[in-house]
Amino acid sequence: MDIRELQGYASFFMTVFLVVMLYGYIIYLYRSEKKGERDYEKYGNIAIDDEIDSTPVEDKPASQRYKEENKK
């Protein structure tokens, strides 16, 4: 087994690993949006609605909201 063959195997397994990670992330985003935790469509509109006086996407920072949810 020479270095070329080893590089080929490493490239193949890295590609498979990255595809699995990508699909896992897509599933995570889909599930969190279905649960109502986040609305990612609002974040997609940030680039379109980029004015100084436009309303914020979230009313509170995520860290504050997380703290308040854990108090209950």
Protein backbone atom coordinates (compact mmCIF):
# COMPACT_ATOMS: atom_id res chain seq x y z
CA MET A 1 0.00 0.00 0.00
CA ASP A 2 1.64 3.16 -1.17
CA ILE A 3 0.90 6.76 -0.21
CA ARG A 4 -1.40 7.36 -3.22
CA GLU A 5 -3.70 4.53 -2.22
CA LEU A 6 -3.74 5.72 1.39
CA GLN A 7 -4.61 9.26 0.26
CA GLY A 8 -7.46 7.88 -1.85
CA TYR A 9 -8.95 5.99 1.10
CA ALA A 10 -8.54 8.99 3.39
CA SER A 11 -10.21 11.28 0.86
CA PHE A 12 -13.13 8.89 0.42
CA PHE A 13 -13.72 8.44 4.16
CA MET A 14 -13.38 12.19 4.82
CA THR A 15 -15.98 12.89 2.13
CA VAL A 16 -18.37 10.33 3.64
CA PHE A 17 -17.81 11.78 7.11
CA LEU A 18 -18.50 15.33 5.95
CA VAL A 19 -21.67 14.26 4.10
CA VAL A 20 -22.96 12.54 7.24
CA MET A 21 -22.18 15.64 9.31
CA LEU A 22 -23.95 17.89 6.78
CA TYR A 23 -27.10 15.76 6.77
CA GLY A 24 -27.03 15.61 10.57
CA TYR A 25 -26.89 19.40 10.75
CA ILE A 26 -29.74 19.75 8.25
CA ILE A 27 -31.87 17.35 10.31
CA TYR A 28 -31.02 19.29 13.48
CA LEU A 29 -32.12 22.57 11.88
CA TYR A 30 -35.32 21.01 10.56
CA ARG A 31 -36.25 19.50 13.93
CA SER A 32 -35.55 22.67 15.90
CA GLU A 33 -37.70 24.68 13.51
CA LYS A 34 -40.51 22.12 13.77
CA LYS A 35 -40.40 22.29 17.59
CA GLY A 36 -40.73 26.06 17.41
CA GLU A 37 -37.40 26.82 19.07
CA ARG A 38 -36.20 29.01 16.20
CA ASP A 39 -37.59 30.38 12.97
CA TYR A 40 -34.66 30.23 10.59
CA GLU A 41 -36.65 31.89 7.82
CA LYS A 42 -36.42 35.15 9.77
CA TYR A 43 -32.64 34.86 9.79
CA GLY A 44 -32.69 34.36 6.02
CA ASN A 45 -34.46 37.70 5.62
CA ILE A 46 -31.69 39.60 7.41
CA ALA A 47 -29.77 40.11 4.17
CA ILE A 48 -32.87 41.42 2.39
CA ASP A 49 -34.13 43.70 5.18
CA ASP A 50 -30.88 45.40 6.13
CA GLU A 51 -31.95 48.87 7.24
CA ILE A 52 -30.86 50.71 10.39
CA ASP A 53 -34.45 51.13 11.58
CA SER A 54 -35.69 47.59 10.80
CA THR A 55 -37.00 45.48 13.67
CA PRO A 56 -34.65 42.96 15.27
CA VAL A 57 -35.08 39.28 14.50
CA GLU A 58 -35.19 38.38 18.20
CA ASP A 59 -36.32 40.59 21.03
CA LYS A 60 -33.84 39.12 23.52
CA PRO A 61 -30.39 37.64 23.14
CA ALA A 62 -30.39 33.87 23.03
CA SER A 63 -28.41 33.62 26.27
CA GLN A 64 -31.06 35.56 28.22
CA ARG A 65 -33.88 33.54 26.72
CA TYR A 66 -32.05 30.32 27.60
CA LYS A 67 -31.58 31.43 31.20
CA GLU A 68 -35.27 32.33 31.54
CA GLU A 69 -36.39 29.00 30.09
CA ASN A 70 -34.22 27.07 32.53
CA LYS A 71 -35.61 28.95 35.55
CA LYS A 72 -39.09 27.55 34.91
